[in-house]
Amino acid sequence: MNGALLHLSVNHIPVVGFPLCFLVLLAGALRKSRDLVQAGMVGIILIVLVALVAWKSGGPAARTLFQYPGVSVERARIHEHAEAAEYAVIAGGILGALSLFGWWLSRRPEGAPAGLVWVIIFGCLFASVVLARVAHLGGLIRHPEIESGAPNAMMMAPAKPAQ
């Protein structure tokens, strides 16, 4: 397994996982369900660990891509993606620490303070948005069709066969 395969195998998990945890936490807070709140917090902790793997495998993925014969990639795109990923890992790390603390507090009879739960919920929403940007920038590295200004396939008429 090379760095690119590992990176591509795990990088989608945080992008999908954080919004799912947001929904679980939101449902838990609205329904006042300790189990849902705890599940959301544990989910965040696990997703942060996967996000660290995705972040650490980014460098090896870039090196693999640069060494691939016949592939031309703009280094500026990889740099922008890496910078955004670093910001996302910092945000995710803070969210993971808050979730670990919140999960620990939620084991008490009175549960985690509602204020902390709501901070984690909004932090999860923020992390979801940040990771969506990271994913978009990563997609631009090898998928130029998602750039703004790329021709819209629906607008282009198919070529008619010669008769």
N, C-alpha and C. Protein backbone atom coordinates (compact mmCIF):
# COMPACT_ATOMS: atom_id res chain seq x y z
N MET A 1 0.85 -1.17 0.00
CA MET A 1 0.00 0.00 0.00
C MET A 1 0.90 1.23 0.00
N ASN A 2 0.65 2.14 -0.96
CA ASN A 2 1.43 3.37 -0.97
C ASN A 2 0.67 4.49 -0.27
N GLY A 3 1.35 5.63 -0.13
CA GLY A 3 0.75 6.76 0.59
C GLY A 3 -0.53 7.26 -0.03
N ALA A 4 -0.60 7.25 -1.36
CA ALA A 4 -1.79 7.74 -2.03
C ALA A 4 -3.00 6.84 -1.74
N LEU A 5 -2.79 5.53 -1.77
CA LEU A 5 -3.89 4.60 -1.51
C LEU A 5 -4.40 4.75 -0.08
N LEU A 6 -3.47 4.85 0.87
CA LEU A 6 -3.89 5.03 2.25
C LEU A 6 -4.66 6.34 2.42
N HIS A 7 -4.14 7.41 1.82
CA HIS A 7 -4.78 8.72 1.94
C HIS A 7 -6.18 8.70 1.34
N LEU A 8 -6.30 8.15 0.16
CA LEU A 8 -7.62 8.10 -0.50
C LEU A 8 -8.57 7.14 0.21
N SER A 9 -8.03 6.15 0.90
CA SER A 9 -8.88 5.18 1.60
C SER A 9 -9.52 5.77 2.86
N VAL A 10 -8.83 6.70 3.51
CA VAL A 10 -9.35 7.20 4.79
C VAL A 10 -9.85 8.64 4.75
N ASN A 11 -9.51 9.41 3.71
CA ASN A 11 -9.82 10.83 3.78
C ASN A 11 -11.31 11.16 3.66
N HIS A 12 -12.11 10.25 3.18
CA HIS A 12 -13.55 10.53 3.07
C HIS A 12 -14.29 10.30 4.39
N ILE A 13 -13.70 9.53 5.27
CA ILE A 13 -14.37 9.20 6.54
C ILE A 13 -14.65 10.45 7.38
N PRO A 14 -13.68 11.33 7.60
CA PRO A 14 -14.00 12.53 8.38
C PRO A 14 -14.99 13.46 7.66
N VAL A 15 -14.91 13.52 6.35
CA VAL A 15 -15.79 14.41 5.58
C VAL A 15 -17.26 13.99 5.75
N VAL A 16 -17.50 12.70 5.81
CA VAL A 16 -18.85 12.18 6.00
C VAL A 16 -19.17 12.02 7.49
N GLY A 17 -18.18 11.65 8.27
CA GLY A 17 -18.40 11.33 9.68
C GLY A 17 -18.77 12.52 10.54
N PHE A 18 -18.12 13.67 10.34
CA PHE A 18 -18.45 14.83 11.16
C PHE A 18 -19.89 15.29 10.99
N PRO A 19 -20.41 15.39 9.76
CA PRO A 19 -21.83 15.75 9.65
C PRO A 19 -22.76 14.72 10.29
N LEU A 20 -22.41 13.44 10.19
CA LEU A 20 -23.24 12.42 10.84
C LEU A 20 -23.21 12.58 12.37
N CYS A 21 -22.04 12.83 12.91
CA CYS A 21 -21.94 13.05 14.36
C CYS A 21 -22.70 14.31 14.76
N PHE A 22 -22.65 15.33 13.92
CA PHE A 22 -23.43 16.54 14.19
C PHE A 22 -24.91 16.19 14.33
N LEU A 23 -25.42 15.39 13.40
CA LEU A 23 -26.84 15.02 13.45
C LEU A 23 -27.16 14.17 14.68
N VAL A 24 -26.28 13.25 15.02
CA VAL A 24 -26.50 12.41 16.21
C VAL A 24 -26.50 13.27 17.47
N LEU A 25 -25.52 14.16 17.57
CA LEU A 25 -25.46 15.05 18.74
C LEU A 25 -26.66 15.98 18.82
N LEU A 26 -27.07 16.51 17.68
CA LEU A 26 -28.22 17.40 17.66
C LEU A 26 -29.47 16.66 18.11
N ALA A 27 -29.66 15.45 17.59
CA ALA A 27 -30.81 14.64 18.01
C ALA A 27 -30.73 14.33 19.50
N GLY A 28 -29.54 14.02 19.99
CA GLY A 28 -29.37 13.72 21.40
C GLY A 28 -29.67 14.92 22.28
N ALA A 29 -29.23 16.09 21.86
CA ALA A 29 -29.48 17.29 22.65
C ALA A 29 -30.97 17.65 22.64
N LEU A 30 -31.60 17.56 21.49
CA LEU A 30 -33.01 17.92 21.40
C LEU A 30 -33.91 16.93 22.13
N ARG A 31 -33.54 15.66 22.08
CA ARG A 31 -34.34 14.63 22.75
C ARG A 31 -33.90 14.39 24.19
N LYS A 32 -32.83 15.09 24.57
CA LYS A 32 -32.25 14.92 25.90
C LYS A 32 -31.87 13.46 26.17
N SER A 33 -31.24 12.85 25.15
CA SER A 33 -30.83 11.46 25.23
C SER A 33 -29.33 11.39 25.52
N ARG A 34 -29.00 10.93 26.70
CA ARG A 34 -27.60 10.79 27.07
C ARG A 34 -26.88 9.81 26.14
N ASP A 35 -27.57 8.73 25.76
CA ASP A 35 -26.95 7.72 24.89
C ASP A 35 -26.57 8.31 23.54
N LEU A 36 -27.46 9.09 22.94
CA LEU A 36 -27.15 9.70 21.64
C LEU A 36 -26.02 10.72 21.77
N VAL A 37 -26.03 11.51 22.83
CA VAL A 37 -24.96 12.48 23.04
C VAL A 37 -23.63 11.76 23.21
N GLN A 38 -23.62 10.71 24.01
CA GLN A 38 -22.37 9.96 24.20
C GLN A 38 -21.92 9.31 22.89
N ALA A 39 -22.85 8.78 22.13
CA ALA A 39 -22.49 8.16 20.85
C ALA A 39 -21.89 9.19 19.89
N GLY A 40 -22.47 10.37 19.86
CA GLY A 40 -21.92 11.42 19.01
C GLY A 40 -20.52 11.83 19.43
N MET A 41 -20.30 11.93 20.73
CA MET A 41 -18.98 12.31 21.22
C MET A 41 -17.94 11.23 20.94
N VAL A 42 -18.31 9.99 21.15
CA VAL A 42 -17.38 8.89 20.85
C VAL A 42 -17.10 8.85 19.35
N GLY A 43 -18.13 9.09 18.54
CA GLY A 43 -17.94 9.14 17.09
C GLY A 43 -16.95 10.21 16.70
N ILE A 44 -17.06 11.38 17.30
CA ILE A 44 -16.12 12.47 17.00
C ILE A 44 -14.70 12.07 17.36
N ILE A 45 -14.53 11.46 18.53
CA ILE A 45 -13.19 11.05 18.96
C ILE A 45 -12.58 10.07 17.95
N LEU A 46 -13.37 9.10 17.52
CA LEU A 46 -12.86 8.12 16.54
C LEU A 46 -12.57 8.77 15.19
N ILE A 47 -13.42 9.68 14.77
CA ILE A 47 -13.23 10.34 13.48
C ILE A 47 -11.99 11.23 13.51
N VAL A 48 -11.73 11.87 14.63
CA VAL A 48 -10.52 12.68 14.75
C VAL A 48 -9.28 11.80 14.58
N LEU A 49 -9.30 10.60 15.13
CA LEU A 49 -8.17 9.68 14.96
C LEU A 49 -7.98 9.31 13.49
N VAL A 50 -9.08 9.07 12.79
CA VAL A 50 -8.99 8.76 11.36
C VAL A 50 -8.50 9.99 10.58
N ALA A 51 -8.95 11.17 10.99
CA ALA A 51 -8.51 12.40 10.32
C ALA A 51 -7.00 12.59 10.48
N LEU A 52 -6.46 12.19 11.62
CA LEU A 52 -5.01 12.27 11.80
C LEU A 52 -4.28 11.35 10.83
N VAL A 53 -4.84 10.17 10.59
CA VAL A 53 -4.23 9.25 9.62
C VAL A 53 -4.29 9.86 8.22
N ALA A 54 -5.42 10.45 7.88
CA ALA A 54 -5.56 11.09 6.56
C ALA A 54 -4.55 12.23 6.42
N TRP A 55 -4.41 13.03 7.45
CA TRP A 55 -3.48 14.16 7.41
C TRP A 55 -2.03 13.69 7.30
N LYS A 56 -1.66 12.69 8.11
CA LYS A 56 -0.29 12.19 8.08
C LYS A 56 0.05 11.48 6.77
N SER A 57 -0.94 10.92 6.10
CA SER A 57 -0.69 10.22 4.84
C SER A 57 -0.71 11.17 3.65
N GLY A 58 -1.02 12.44 3.87
CA GLY A 58 -1.07 13.41 2.78
C GLY A 58 0.28 13.64 2.12
N GLY A 59 1.33 13.78 2.93
CA GLY A 59 2.68 13.97 2.37
C GLY A 59 3.12 12.80 1.50
N PRO A 60 3.02 11.55 2.02
CA PRO A 60 3.36 10.41 1.18
C PRO A 60 2.48 10.31 -0.07
N ALA A 61 1.23 10.72 0.03
CA ALA A 61 0.35 10.70 -1.15
C ALA A 61 0.86 11.68 -2.20
N ALA A 62 1.26 12.87 -1.77
CA ALA A 62 1.78 13.86 -2.71
C ALA A 62 3.07 13.36 -3.37
N ARG A 63 3.95 12.78 -2.57
CA ARG A 63 5.20 12.25 -3.14
C ARG A 63 4.92 11.15 -4.15
N THR A 64 3.95 10.29 -3.85
CA THR A 64 3.58 9.23 -4.79
C THR A 64 3.07 9.84 -6.09
N LEU A 65 2.25 10.86 -5.97
CA LEU A 65 1.68 11.51 -7.15
C LEU A 65 2.76 12.18 -7.99
N PHE A 66 3.72 12.85 -7.36
CA PHE A 66 4.80 13.51 -8.11
C PHE A 66 5.70 12.51 -8.82
N GLN A 67 5.82 11.31 -8.28
CA GLN A 67 6.68 10.30 -8.87
C GLN A 67 5.99 9.48 -9.94
N TYR A 68 4.67 9.64 -10.08
CA TYR A 68 3.92 8.85 -11.04
C TYR A 68 4.22 9.33 -12.45
N PRO A 69 4.64 8.44 -13.34
CA PRO A 69 5.02 8.87 -14.68
C PRO A 69 3.83 9.45 -15.47
N GLY A 70 4.10 10.55 -16.15
CA GLY A 70 3.09 11.14 -17.02
C GLY A 70 2.06 12.00 -16.31
N VAL A 71 2.18 12.20 -15.01
CA VAL A 71 1.21 12.99 -14.27
C VAL A 71 1.79 14.37 -14.00
N SER A 72 1.03 15.39 -14.37
CA SER A 72 1.45 16.75 -14.04
C SER A 72 0.43 17.33 -13.06
N VAL A 73 0.94 17.75 -11.93
CA VAL A 73 0.10 18.28 -10.86
C VAL A 73 0.69 19.61 -10.42
N GLU A 74 -0.19 20.59 -10.23
CA GLU A 74 0.27 21.89 -9.75
C GLU A 74 0.59 21.79 -8.27
N ARG A 75 1.82 22.11 -7.92
CA ARG A 75 2.23 22.07 -6.52
C ARG A 75 1.42 23.05 -5.67
N ALA A 76 1.00 24.15 -6.27
CA ALA A 76 0.23 25.16 -5.53
C ALA A 76 -1.09 24.57 -5.03
N ARG A 77 -1.70 23.71 -5.83
CA ARG A 77 -2.96 23.08 -5.41
C ARG A 77 -2.74 22.14 -4.23
N ILE A 78 -1.67 21.38 -4.29
CA ILE A 78 -1.37 20.47 -3.19
C ILE A 78 -1.04 21.27 -1.93
N HIS A 79 -0.31 22.36 -2.10
CA HIS A 79 0.04 23.20 -0.94
C HIS A 79 -1.22 23.79 -0.31
N GLU A 80 -2.13 24.31 -1.12
CA GLU A 80 -3.36 24.89 -0.59
C GLU A 80 -4.20 23.84 0.14
N HIS A 81 -4.27 22.64 -0.44
CA HIS A 81 -5.00 21.53 0.19
C HIS A 81 -4.35 21.16 1.53
N ALA A 82 -3.02 21.10 1.56
CA ALA A 82 -2.30 20.74 2.78
C ALA A 82 -2.48 21.80 3.86
N GLU A 83 -2.46 23.07 3.48
CA GLU A 83 -2.68 24.14 4.46
C GLU A 83 -4.08 24.05 5.05
N ALA A 84 -5.06 23.83 4.22
CA ALA A 84 -6.44 23.70 4.70
C ALA A 84 -6.58 22.47 5.59
N ALA A 85 -5.91 21.39 5.23
CA ALA A 85 -5.97 20.17 6.04
C ALA A 85 -5.34 20.38 7.41
N GLU A 86 -4.27 21.15 7.46
CA GLU A 86 -3.64 21.43 8.74
C GLU A 86 -4.59 22.22 9.64
N TYR A 87 -5.28 23.18 9.08
CA TYR A 87 -6.27 23.96 9.83
C TYR A 87 -7.39 23.03 10.32
N ALA A 88 -7.82 22.10 9.46
CA ALA A 88 -8.89 21.17 9.83
C ALA A 88 -8.45 20.24 10.96
N VAL A 89 -7.19 19.81 10.94
CA VAL A 89 -6.69 18.92 11.99
C VAL A 89 -6.63 19.66 13.33
N ILE A 90 -6.27 20.93 13.29
CA ILE A 90 -6.26 21.72 14.53
C ILE A 90 -7.68 21.86 15.07
N ALA A 91 -8.61 22.22 14.19
CA ALA A 91 -10.02 22.35 14.61
C ALA A 91 -10.55 21.01 15.12
N GLY A 92 -10.23 19.94 14.38
CA GLY A 92 -10.68 18.61 14.79
C GLY A 92 -10.06 18.17 16.10
N GLY A 93 -8.80 18.52 16.32
CA GLY A 93 -8.14 18.16 17.57
C GLY A 93 -8.78 18.84 18.76
N ILE A 94 -9.11 20.12 18.60
CA ILE A 94 -9.80 20.84 19.68
C ILE A 94 -11.17 20.21 19.92
N LEU A 95 -11.88 19.91 18.84
CA LEU A 95 -13.20 19.29 18.96
C LEU A 95 -13.09 17.90 19.60
N GLY A 96 -12.07 17.15 19.22
CA GLY A 96 -11.86 15.83 19.82
C GLY A 96 -11.58 15.91 21.32
N ALA A 97 -10.77 16.89 21.72
CA ALA A 97 -10.47 17.06 23.15
C ALA A 97 -11.73 17.46 23.91
N LEU A 98 -12.53 18.37 23.33
CA LEU A 98 -13.79 18.76 23.97
C LEU A 98 -14.74 17.57 24.08
N SER A 99 -14.77 16.75 23.04
CA SER A 99 -15.65 15.58 23.04
C SER A 99 -15.20 14.55 24.06
N LEU A 100 -13.91 14.36 24.18
CA LEU A 100 -13.40 13.43 25.19
C LEU A 100 -13.76 13.91 26.59
N PHE A 101 -13.58 15.20 26.83
CA PHE A 101 -13.95 15.78 28.12
C PHE A 101 -15.46 15.68 28.34
N GLY A 102 -16.24 16.00 27.31
CA GLY A 102 -17.69 15.92 27.42
C GLY A 102 -18.16 14.49 27.66
N TRP A 103 -17.54 13.54 26.97
CA TRP A 103 -17.91 12.13 27.18
C TRP A 103 -17.61 11.71 28.61
N TRP A 104 -16.44 12.13 29.11
CA TRP A 104 -16.07 11.79 30.48
C TRP A 104 -17.08 12.39 31.47
N LEU A 105 -17.46 13.65 31.25
CA LEU A 105 -18.45 14.29 32.12
C LEU A 105 -19.83 13.64 31.99
N SER A 106 -20.16 13.16 30.80
CA SER A 106 -21.49 12.60 30.57
C SER A 106 -21.71 11.28 31.32
N ARG A 107 -20.64 10.69 31.81
CA ARG A 107 -20.78 9.44 32.57
C ARG A 107 -21.25 9.68 34.00
N ARG A 108 -21.22 10.93 34.43
CA ARG A 108 -21.70 11.27 35.78
C ARG A 108 -23.23 11.20 35.80
N PRO A 109 -23.82 11.08 36.97
CA PRO A 109 -25.29 11.01 37.05
C PRO A 109 -26.00 12.22 36.44
N GLU A 110 -25.41 13.41 36.60
CA GLU A 110 -26.07 14.60 36.05
C GLU A 110 -25.74 14.82 34.58
N GLY A 111 -24.83 14.05 34.03
CA GLY A 111 -24.49 14.13 32.61
C GLY A 111 -23.59 15.32 32.31
N ALA A 112 -23.31 15.49 31.03
CA ALA A 112 -22.47 16.61 30.59
C ALA A 112 -23.30 17.89 30.63
N PRO A 113 -22.68 19.01 30.94
CA PRO A 113 -23.42 20.28 30.93
C PRO A 113 -23.97 20.57 29.53
N ALA A 114 -25.20 21.04 29.48
CA ALA A 114 -25.85 21.31 28.19
C ALA A 114 -25.04 22.31 27.37
N GLY A 115 -24.44 23.30 28.04
CA GLY A 115 -23.63 24.29 27.32
C GLY A 115 -22.47 23.66 26.58
N LEU A 116 -21.80 22.72 27.24
CA LEU A 116 -20.68 22.03 26.60
C LEU A 116 -21.17 21.20 25.43
N VAL A 117 -22.29 20.54 25.59
CA VAL A 117 -22.85 19.73 24.49
C VAL A 117 -23.12 20.62 23.28
N TRP A 118 -23.70 21.80 23.50
CA TRP A 118 -24.00 22.70 22.38
C TRP A 118 -22.73 23.26 21.76
N VAL A 119 -21.70 23.51 22.56
CA VAL A 119 -20.41 23.94 21.99
C VAL A 119 -19.86 22.84 21.08
N ILE A 120 -19.96 21.61 21.50
CA ILE A 120 -19.47 20.49 20.69
C ILE A 120 -20.32 20.35 19.42
N ILE A 121 -21.62 20.54 19.54
CA ILE A 121 -22.49 20.45 18.36
C ILE A 121 -22.09 21.50 17.32
N PHE A 122 -21.94 22.74 17.76
CA PHE A 122 -21.57 23.80 16.81
C PHE A 122 -20.13 23.64 16.33
N GLY A 123 -19.26 23.11 17.19
CA GLY A 123 -17.90 22.80 16.76
C GLY A 123 -17.89 21.73 15.68
N CYS A 124 -18.78 20.77 15.82
CA CYS A 124 -18.88 19.70 14.82
C CYS A 124 -19.39 20.25 13.49
N LEU A 125 -20.33 21.17 13.56
CA LEU A 125 -20.81 21.82 12.34
C LEU A 125 -19.69 22.61 11.68
N PHE A 126 -18.92 23.33 12.49
CA PHE A 126 -17.78 24.09 11.96
C PHE A 126 -16.76 23.15 11.32
N ALA A 127 -16.43 22.05 12.00
CA ALA A 127 -15.47 21.09 11.45
C ALA A 127 -15.98 20.49 10.14
N SER A 128 -17.28 20.28 10.04
CA SER A 128 -17.87 19.74 8.81
C SER A 128 -17.64 20.69 7.64
N VAL A 129 -17.83 21.98 7.89
CA VAL A 129 -17.64 22.98 6.83
C VAL A 129 -16.16 23.07 6.45
N VAL A 130 -15.30 23.08 7.44
CA VAL A 130 -13.86 23.15 7.17
C VAL A 130 -13.41 21.93 6.36
N LEU A 131 -13.89 20.76 6.73
CA LEU A 131 -13.51 19.55 6.00
C LEU A 131 -14.10 19.50 4.60
N ALA A 132 -15.26 20.10 4.41
CA ALA A 132 -15.82 20.17 3.06
C ALA A 132 -14.90 20.98 2.16
N ARG A 133 -14.33 22.06 2.69
CA ARG A 133 -13.38 22.85 1.90
C ARG A 133 -12.11 22.06 1.62
N VAL A 134 -11.61 21.35 2.62
CA VAL A 134 -10.41 20.53 2.42
C VAL A 134 -10.67 19.49 1.33
N ALA A 135 -11.83 18.86 1.38
CA ALA A 135 -12.17 17.84 0.39
C ALA A 135 -12.27 18.46 -1.01
N HIS A 136 -12.87 19.64 -1.09
CA HIS A 136 -12.98 20.30 -2.39
C HIS A 136 -11.59 20.61 -2.96
N LEU A 137 -10.72 21.16 -2.12
CA LEU A 137 -9.36 21.46 -2.58
C LEU A 137 -8.61 20.20 -2.97
N GLY A 138 -8.82 19.12 -2.23
CA GLY A 138 -8.20 17.85 -2.60
C GLY A 138 -8.73 17.33 -3.91
N GLY A 139 -10.02 17.48 -4.13
CA GLY A 139 -10.61 17.04 -5.40
C GLY A 139 -10.07 17.82 -6.58
N LEU A 140 -9.76 19.09 -6.39
CA LEU A 140 -9.22 19.90 -7.48
C LEU A 140 -7.84 19.42 -7.94
N ILE A 141 -7.14 18.70 -7.08
CA ILE A 141 -5.81 18.22 -7.45
C ILE A 141 -5.89 17.28 -8.65
N ARG A 142 -6.87 16.40 -8.64
CA ARG A 142 -6.98 15.41 -9.73
C ARG A 142 -8.31 15.43 -10.46
N HIS A 143 -9.20 16.35 -10.10
CA HIS A 143 -10.51 16.42 -10.75
C HIS A 143 -10.78 17.85 -11.21
N PRO A 144 -10.18 18.28 -12.33
CA PRO A 144 -10.39 19.66 -12.78
C PRO A 144 -11.84 19.95 -13.17
N GLU A 145 -12.63 18.93 -13.38
CA GLU A 145 -14.02 19.14 -13.78
C GLU A 145 -14.87 19.76 -12.69
N ILE A 146 -14.38 19.77 -11.43
CA ILE A 146 -15.18 20.37 -10.37
C ILE A 146 -14.83 21.83 -10.13
N GLU A 147 -13.88 22.37 -10.89
CA GLU A 147 -13.53 23.78 -10.75
C GLU A 147 -14.68 24.65 -11.18
N SER A 148 -14.79 25.82 -10.54
CA SER A 148 -15.78 26.77 -11.04
C SER A 148 -15.27 27.28 -12.38
N GLY A 149 -16.16 27.43 -13.32
CA GLY A 149 -15.78 27.85 -14.65
C GLY A 149 -15.51 26.69 -15.60
N ALA A 150 -15.51 25.47 -15.09
CA ALA A 150 -15.34 24.31 -15.96
C ALA A 150 -16.59 24.17 -16.81
N PRO A 151 -16.46 23.72 -18.05
CA PRO A 151 -17.65 23.60 -18.90
C PRO A 151 -18.68 22.67 -18.28
N ASN A 152 -19.91 23.07 -18.34
CA ASN A 152 -21.00 22.27 -17.81
C ASN A 152 -21.37 21.22 -18.85
N ALA A 153 -21.27 19.96 -18.48
CA ALA A 153 -21.54 18.87 -19.42
C ALA A 153 -22.98 18.91 -19.93
N MET A 154 -23.89 19.44 -19.12
CA MET A 154 -25.29 19.51 -19.54
C MET A 154 -25.49 20.56 -20.63
N MET A 155 -24.63 21.57 -20.67
CA MET A 155 -24.78 22.66 -21.62
C MET A 155 -24.13 22.31 -22.96
N MET A 156 -23.24 21.36 -22.96
CA MET A 156 -22.52 21.04 -24.18
C MET A 156 -23.33 20.03 -24.98
N ALA A 157 -23.54 20.34 -26.24
CA ALA A 157 -24.29 19.44 -27.12
C ALA A 157 -23.37 18.30 -27.54
N PRO A 158 -23.89 17.09 -27.55
CA PRO A 158 -23.05 15.97 -28.00
C PRO A 158 -22.79 16.09 -29.50
N ALA A 159 -21.64 15.62 -29.89
CA ALA A 159 -21.29 15.64 -31.31
C ALA A 159 -22.20 14.67 -32.06
N LYS A 160 -22.67 15.12 -33.22
CA LYS A 160 -23.53 14.26 -34.05
C LYS A 160 -22.67 13.38 -34.92
N PRO A 161 -23.03 12.11 -35.04
CA PRO A 161 -22.24 11.21 -35.88
C PRO A 161 -22.36 11.61 -37.34
N ALA A 162 -21.28 11.39 -38.06
CA ALA A 162 -21.27 11.70 -39.50
C ALA A 162 -22.16 10.71 -40.24
N GLN A 163 -22.85 11.21 -41.27
CA GLN A 163 -23.77 10.33 -42.00
C GLN A 163 -23.26 9.98 -43.36
